Amino acid sequence: MNKNPDVDIWLEAYDNPMKPVVVAMRDAILAADSRITEAIKWQAPTFIYKGNIASFFPKAKKQASLMFHKGAIIPGSFDNLTGDGKEARTFKVESLDDLEIKAGELEAIVKAWCDLKDQC
């Protein structure tokens, strides 16, 4: 996994009831595809491959909320990638059990992004 020490430091200081879910989502995203890297941007962990993929919304306390910056262009049909804006889509996870249910879809979204960017 391409873990960035800056994200480790950010997570150490992150005081939020959703922290275990955010950490598990981070691990799932980085494990989904070796092309993914991460950084702290906009004061939150952000996942990157040939551009910004997604960033956590760190103030959410009832779910871990991951905004896919250009989620509308990710090819495929993903039930948990929601929103109707021009570009952004959101993926929300309410608990570790919920992540277990949604992990396959999250992995598919990440791979679809990487494959799309390799075609550009």
N, C-alpha and C. Protein backbone atom coordinates (compact mmCIF):
# COMPACT_ATOMS: atom_id res chain seq x y z
N MET A 1 0.84 -1.19 0.00
CA MET A 1 0.00 0.00 0.00
C MET A 1 0.88 1.25 0.00
N ASN A 2 0.40 2.27 -0.64
CA ASN A 2 1.12 3.54 -0.74
C ASN A 2 0.69 4.50 0.37
N LYS A 3 0.91 4.12 1.62
CA LYS A 3 0.53 4.98 2.73
C LYS A 3 1.49 6.15 2.87
N ASN A 4 0.90 7.32 3.04
CA ASN A 4 1.67 8.55 3.20
C ASN A 4 1.76 8.87 4.70
N PRO A 5 2.96 9.08 5.22
CA PRO A 5 3.11 9.41 6.64
C PRO A 5 2.33 10.65 7.07
N ASP A 6 2.10 11.58 6.16
CA ASP A 6 1.31 12.77 6.49
C ASP A 6 -0.13 12.39 6.85
N VAL A 7 -0.65 11.37 6.18
CA VAL A 7 -2.01 10.91 6.48
C VAL A 7 -2.02 10.18 7.82
N ASP A 8 -0.96 9.41 8.11
CA ASP A 8 -0.86 8.77 9.42
C ASP A 8 -0.90 9.82 10.53
N ILE A 9 -0.16 10.89 10.37
CA ILE A 9 -0.13 11.97 11.37
C ILE A 9 -1.51 12.61 11.51
N TRP A 10 -2.15 12.87 10.38
CA TRP A 10 -3.48 13.46 10.39
C TRP A 10 -4.44 12.55 11.16
N LEU A 11 -4.39 11.25 10.88
CA LEU A 11 -5.29 10.30 11.54
C LEU A 11 -5.03 10.20 13.04
N GLU A 12 -3.78 10.31 13.45
CA GLU A 12 -3.47 10.28 14.88
C GLU A 12 -4.19 11.40 15.61
N ALA A 13 -4.30 12.55 14.99
CA ALA A 13 -4.94 13.72 15.62
C ALA A 13 -6.45 13.78 15.37
N TYR A 14 -6.95 12.92 14.52
CA TYR A 14 -8.37 12.97 14.13
C TYR A 14 -9.24 12.50 15.28
N ASP A 15 -10.06 13.39 15.80
CA ASP A 15 -10.94 13.09 16.92
C ASP A 15 -12.37 13.09 16.42
N ASN A 16 -12.86 11.91 16.09
CA ASN A 16 -14.18 11.79 15.49
C ASN A 16 -14.68 10.37 15.77
N PRO A 17 -15.96 10.20 16.09
CA PRO A 17 -16.47 8.85 16.35
C PRO A 17 -16.38 7.92 15.13
N MET A 18 -16.23 8.48 13.95
CA MET A 18 -16.15 7.67 12.73
C MET A 18 -14.71 7.29 12.37
N LYS A 19 -13.76 7.62 13.22
CA LYS A 19 -12.35 7.35 12.93
C LYS A 19 -12.09 5.89 12.54
N PRO A 20 -12.61 4.89 13.25
CA PRO A 20 -12.34 3.51 12.84
C PRO A 20 -12.84 3.21 11.42
N VAL A 21 -13.95 3.79 11.04
CA VAL A 21 -14.49 3.58 9.70
C VAL A 21 -13.61 4.29 8.66
N VAL A 22 -13.20 5.50 8.96
CA VAL A 22 -12.32 6.25 8.05
C VAL A 22 -11.01 5.48 7.83
N VAL A 23 -10.44 4.96 8.91
CA VAL A 23 -9.19 4.19 8.80
C VAL A 23 -9.40 2.94 7.95
N ALA A 24 -10.51 2.24 8.18
CA ALA A 24 -10.79 1.02 7.41
C ALA A 24 -11.05 1.34 5.94
N MET A 25 -11.73 2.45 5.66
CA MET A 25 -11.96 2.85 4.27
C MET A 25 -10.64 3.20 3.59
N ARG A 26 -9.78 3.91 4.31
CA ARG A 26 -8.46 4.24 3.76
C ARG A 26 -7.74 2.97 3.35
N ASP A 27 -7.70 2.00 4.25
CA ASP A 27 -7.01 0.74 3.96
C ASP A 27 -7.63 0.03 2.76
N ALA A 28 -8.96 0.04 2.69
CA ALA A 28 -9.64 -0.62 1.58
C ALA A 28 -9.33 0.06 0.25
N ILE A 29 -9.30 1.37 0.23
CA ILE A 29 -9.03 2.11 -1.00
C ILE A 29 -7.59 1.88 -1.45
N LEU A 30 -6.65 1.98 -0.53
CA LEU A 30 -5.25 1.78 -0.91
C LEU A 30 -4.99 0.34 -1.33
N ALA A 31 -5.71 -0.61 -0.76
CA ALA A 31 -5.54 -2.02 -1.13
C ALA A 31 -6.23 -2.35 -2.45
N ALA A 32 -7.19 -1.53 -2.84
CA ALA A 32 -7.98 -1.81 -4.04
C ALA A 32 -7.16 -1.77 -5.32
N ASP A 33 -6.16 -0.89 -5.36
CA ASP A 33 -5.38 -0.74 -6.58
C ASP A 33 -4.03 -0.12 -6.23
N SER A 34 -2.97 -0.74 -6.68
CA SER A 34 -1.62 -0.27 -6.34
C SER A 34 -1.28 1.08 -6.98
N ARG A 35 -2.10 1.54 -7.90
CA ARG A 35 -1.85 2.84 -8.53
C ARG A 35 -2.24 4.01 -7.64
N ILE A 36 -3.01 3.76 -6.61
CA ILE A 36 -3.54 4.81 -5.74
C ILE A 36 -2.47 5.31 -4.77
N THR A 37 -2.38 6.61 -4.63
CA THR A 37 -1.57 7.24 -3.59
C THR A 37 -2.50 8.14 -2.76
N GLU A 38 -1.93 8.76 -1.75
CA GLU A 38 -2.74 9.62 -0.89
C GLU A 38 -1.91 10.80 -0.41
N ALA A 39 -2.62 11.83 0.00
CA ALA A 39 -2.00 13.04 0.55
C ALA A 39 -3.04 13.75 1.41
N ILE A 40 -2.59 14.76 2.12
CA ILE A 40 -3.52 15.64 2.81
C ILE A 40 -3.73 16.85 1.92
N LYS A 41 -4.97 17.03 1.48
CA LYS A 41 -5.37 18.20 0.70
C LYS A 41 -6.69 18.69 1.28
N TRP A 42 -6.89 19.97 1.28
CA TRP A 42 -8.12 20.55 1.83
C TRP A 42 -8.32 20.09 3.27
N GLN A 43 -7.22 19.90 3.98
CA GLN A 43 -7.21 19.51 5.40
C GLN A 43 -7.88 18.16 5.64
N ALA A 44 -7.75 17.24 4.67
CA ALA A 44 -8.34 15.91 4.80
C ALA A 44 -7.57 14.91 3.93
N PRO A 45 -7.61 13.64 4.29
CA PRO A 45 -7.00 12.62 3.42
C PRO A 45 -7.67 12.63 2.04
N THR A 46 -6.83 12.63 1.02
CA THR A 46 -7.29 12.65 -0.36
C THR A 46 -6.57 11.55 -1.12
N PHE A 47 -7.30 10.82 -1.95
CA PHE A 47 -6.74 9.74 -2.74
C PHE A 47 -6.51 10.22 -4.16
N ILE A 48 -5.39 9.77 -4.73
CA ILE A 48 -4.91 10.37 -5.98
C ILE A 48 -4.47 9.28 -6.96
N TYR A 49 -4.84 9.47 -8.21
CA TYR A 49 -4.24 8.74 -9.34
C TYR A 49 -4.52 9.57 -10.58
N LYS A 50 -3.49 10.13 -11.14
CA LYS A 50 -3.61 11.00 -12.31
C LYS A 50 -4.70 12.05 -12.08
N GLY A 51 -4.65 12.64 -10.91
CA GLY A 51 -5.63 13.63 -10.48
C GLY A 51 -6.25 13.19 -9.17
N ASN A 52 -6.98 14.08 -8.57
CA ASN A 52 -7.64 13.78 -7.30
C ASN A 52 -8.84 12.87 -7.55
N ILE A 53 -8.91 11.80 -6.76
CA ILE A 53 -10.04 10.88 -6.89
C ILE A 53 -11.13 11.26 -5.89
N ALA A 54 -10.74 11.23 -4.60
CA ALA A 54 -11.74 11.43 -3.56
C ALA A 54 -11.09 11.96 -2.29
N SER A 55 -11.88 12.69 -1.51
CA SER A 55 -11.42 13.21 -0.22
C SER A 55 -12.47 12.92 0.83
N PHE A 56 -12.00 12.64 2.05
CA PHE A 56 -12.92 12.49 3.16
C PHE A 56 -13.46 13.85 3.57
N PHE A 57 -14.71 13.87 4.02
CA PHE A 57 -15.29 15.04 4.66
C PHE A 57 -15.11 14.81 6.16
N PRO A 58 -14.09 15.41 6.77
CA PRO A 58 -13.70 15.03 8.13
C PRO A 58 -14.67 15.43 9.24
N LYS A 59 -15.61 16.32 8.98
CA LYS A 59 -16.51 16.76 10.04
C LYS A 59 -17.75 15.88 10.18
N ALA A 60 -17.97 14.97 9.25
CA ALA A 60 -19.13 14.08 9.34
C ALA A 60 -18.99 13.18 10.57
N LYS A 61 -20.04 13.10 11.37
CA LYS A 61 -19.97 12.31 12.61
C LYS A 61 -20.94 11.14 12.63
N LYS A 62 -21.84 11.07 11.67
CA LYS A 62 -22.81 9.97 11.64
C LYS A 62 -22.46 8.94 10.58
N GLN A 63 -21.54 9.29 9.70
CA GLN A 63 -21.05 8.37 8.69
C GLN A 63 -19.69 8.87 8.21
N ALA A 64 -18.92 7.96 7.65
CA ALA A 64 -17.70 8.38 6.96
C ALA A 64 -18.14 8.76 5.56
N SER A 65 -17.82 9.97 5.17
CA SER A 65 -18.28 10.50 3.89
C SER A 65 -17.09 10.78 3.00
N LEU A 66 -17.08 10.16 1.85
CA LEU A 66 -15.99 10.28 0.90
C LEU A 66 -16.53 10.94 -0.37
N MET A 67 -16.01 12.12 -0.71
CA MET A 67 -16.46 12.81 -1.90
C MET A 67 -15.55 12.46 -3.07
N PHE A 68 -16.13 11.88 -4.11
CA PHE A 68 -15.42 11.62 -5.36
C PHE A 68 -15.58 12.87 -6.21
N HIS A 69 -14.48 13.59 -6.38
CA HIS A 69 -14.50 14.91 -7.00
C HIS A 69 -15.14 14.91 -8.39
N LYS A 70 -14.85 13.89 -9.18
CA LYS A 70 -15.42 13.78 -10.53
C LYS A 70 -16.18 12.46 -10.64
N GLY A 71 -16.89 12.13 -9.59
CA GLY A 71 -17.59 10.85 -9.53
C GLY A 71 -18.58 10.63 -10.64
N ALA A 72 -19.11 11.69 -11.21
CA ALA A 72 -20.10 11.55 -12.28
C ALA A 72 -19.51 10.93 -13.55
N ILE A 73 -18.18 11.00 -13.72
CA ILE A 73 -17.59 10.45 -14.94
C ILE A 73 -17.03 9.05 -14.76
N ILE A 74 -17.09 8.51 -13.54
CA ILE A 74 -16.58 7.16 -13.31
C ILE A 74 -17.52 6.18 -14.01
N PRO A 75 -16.97 5.37 -14.92
CA PRO A 75 -17.83 4.45 -15.66
C PRO A 75 -18.34 3.32 -14.77
N GLY A 76 -19.58 2.95 -15.01
CA GLY A 76 -20.20 1.86 -14.27
C GLY A 76 -21.42 2.34 -13.51
N SER A 77 -22.10 1.40 -12.93
CA SER A 77 -23.29 1.70 -12.14
C SER A 77 -23.00 1.31 -10.69
N PHE A 78 -23.04 2.30 -9.81
CA PHE A 78 -22.68 2.10 -8.41
C PHE A 78 -23.79 2.67 -7.52
N ASP A 79 -24.51 1.79 -6.86
CA ASP A 79 -25.67 2.18 -6.06
C ASP A 79 -25.32 3.13 -4.93
N ASN A 80 -24.11 3.01 -4.38
CA ASN A 80 -23.74 3.82 -3.22
C ASN A 80 -22.94 5.07 -3.56
N LEU A 81 -22.76 5.33 -4.82
CA LEU A 81 -22.10 6.56 -5.28
C LEU A 81 -23.23 7.53 -5.64
N THR A 82 -23.54 8.43 -4.71
CA THR A 82 -24.77 9.21 -4.84
C THR A 82 -24.50 10.69 -5.08
N GLY A 83 -25.51 11.34 -5.59
CA GLY A 83 -25.46 12.77 -5.86
C GLY A 83 -25.97 13.04 -7.25
N ASP A 84 -26.39 14.26 -7.47
CA ASP A 84 -26.92 14.61 -8.79
C ASP A 84 -26.30 15.89 -9.33
N GLY A 85 -25.19 16.30 -8.74
CA GLY A 85 -24.48 17.48 -9.23
C GLY A 85 -23.79 17.19 -10.55
N LYS A 86 -23.20 18.21 -11.11
CA LYS A 86 -22.54 18.08 -12.41
C LYS A 86 -21.34 17.14 -12.36
N GLU A 87 -20.58 17.14 -11.25
CA GLU A 87 -19.35 16.36 -11.19
C GLU A 87 -19.24 15.45 -9.98
N ALA A 88 -19.42 15.97 -8.78
CA ALA A 88 -19.11 15.24 -7.55
C ALA A 88 -20.16 14.18 -7.23
N ARG A 89 -19.69 13.12 -6.58
CA ARG A 89 -20.55 12.08 -6.04
C ARG A 89 -20.01 11.72 -4.66
N THR A 90 -20.87 11.20 -3.80
CA THR A 90 -20.49 10.88 -2.44
C THR A 90 -20.73 9.40 -2.16
N PHE A 91 -19.81 8.83 -1.38
CA PHE A 91 -19.91 7.45 -0.93
C PHE A 91 -19.91 7.51 0.59
N LYS A 92 -20.99 7.05 1.22
CA LYS A 92 -21.13 7.15 2.68
C LYS A 92 -21.16 5.76 3.30
N VAL A 93 -20.47 5.65 4.43
CA VAL A 93 -20.42 4.39 5.17
C VAL A 93 -20.74 4.70 6.63
N GLU A 94 -21.70 3.98 7.20
CA GLU A 94 -22.19 4.28 8.54
C GLU A 94 -21.48 3.52 9.65
N SER A 95 -20.83 2.39 9.33
CA SER A 95 -20.20 1.57 10.36
C SER A 95 -19.22 0.60 9.69
N LEU A 96 -18.45 -0.09 10.51
CA LEU A 96 -17.55 -1.11 9.96
C LEU A 96 -18.34 -2.23 9.30
N ASP A 97 -19.49 -2.58 9.85
CA ASP A 97 -20.35 -3.60 9.23
C ASP A 97 -20.87 -3.12 7.88
N ASP A 98 -21.23 -1.86 7.80
CA ASP A 98 -21.70 -1.27 6.55
C ASP A 98 -20.58 -1.27 5.52
N LEU A 99 -19.36 -0.98 5.95
CA LEU A 99 -18.22 -1.01 5.03
C LEU A 99 -18.00 -2.42 4.49
N GLU A 100 -18.17 -3.41 5.35
CA GLU A 100 -18.00 -4.79 4.89
C GLU A 100 -18.97 -5.10 3.75
N ILE A 101 -20.18 -4.59 3.85
CA ILE A 101 -21.20 -4.79 2.81
C ILE A 101 -20.83 -4.03 1.53
N LYS A 102 -20.28 -2.82 1.68
CA LYS A 102 -20.03 -1.94 0.54
C LYS A 102 -18.61 -2.02 -0.01
N ALA A 103 -17.74 -2.78 0.62
CA ALA A 103 -16.31 -2.80 0.24
C ALA A 103 -16.08 -3.20 -1.21
N GLY A 104 -16.82 -4.17 -1.70
CA GLY A 104 -16.65 -4.60 -3.09
C GLY A 104 -16.98 -3.49 -4.07
N GLU A 105 -18.02 -2.75 -3.78
CA GLU A 105 -18.39 -1.62 -4.64
C GLU A 105 -17.34 -0.52 -4.56
N LEU A 106 -16.85 -0.23 -3.37
CA LEU A 106 -15.81 0.79 -3.22
C LEU A 106 -14.57 0.41 -4.02
N GLU A 107 -14.17 -0.83 -3.94
CA GLU A 107 -13.02 -1.30 -4.71
C GLU A 107 -13.27 -1.16 -6.21
N ALA A 108 -14.46 -1.52 -6.66
CA ALA A 108 -14.80 -1.41 -8.09
C ALA A 108 -14.77 0.04 -8.56
N ILE A 109 -15.22 0.96 -7.73
CA ILE A 109 -15.20 2.39 -8.08
C ILE A 109 -13.76 2.86 -8.26
N VAL A 110 -12.89 2.49 -7.31
CA VAL A 110 -11.49 2.91 -7.38
C VAL A 110 -10.82 2.34 -8.63
N LYS A 111 -11.05 1.07 -8.92
CA LYS A 111 -10.45 0.46 -10.12
C LYS A 111 -10.99 1.10 -11.39
N ALA A 112 -12.30 1.39 -11.41
CA ALA A 112 -12.89 2.03 -12.59
C ALA A 112 -12.26 3.39 -12.84
N TRP A 113 -11.99 4.16 -11.77
CA TRP A 113 -11.34 5.45 -11.92
C TRP A 113 -9.95 5.28 -12.52
N CYS A 114 -9.17 4.38 -11.95
CA CYS A 114 -7.79 4.17 -12.43
C CYS A 114 -7.78 3.73 -13.89
N ASP A 115 -8.65 2.81 -14.23
CA ASP A 115 -8.72 2.34 -15.62
C ASP A 115 -9.13 3.46 -16.56
N LEU A 116 -10.10 4.27 -16.14
CA LEU A 116 -10.53 5.42 -16.95
C LEU A 116 -9.35 6.37 -17.18
N LYS A 117 -8.62 6.70 -16.13
CA LYS A 117 -7.50 7.64 -16.25
C LYS A 117 -6.38 7.07 -17.12
N ASP A 118 -6.22 5.76 -17.14
CA ASP A 118 -5.20 5.15 -18.00
C ASP A 118 -5.60 5.22 -19.48
N GLN A 119 -6.88 5.36 -19.75
CA GLN A 119 -7.36 5.46 -21.13
C GLN A 119 -7.26 6.88 -21.68
N CYS A 120 -7.09 7.85 -20.80
CA CYS A 120 -7.04 9.27 -21.22
C CYS A 120 -5.68 9.60 -21.83
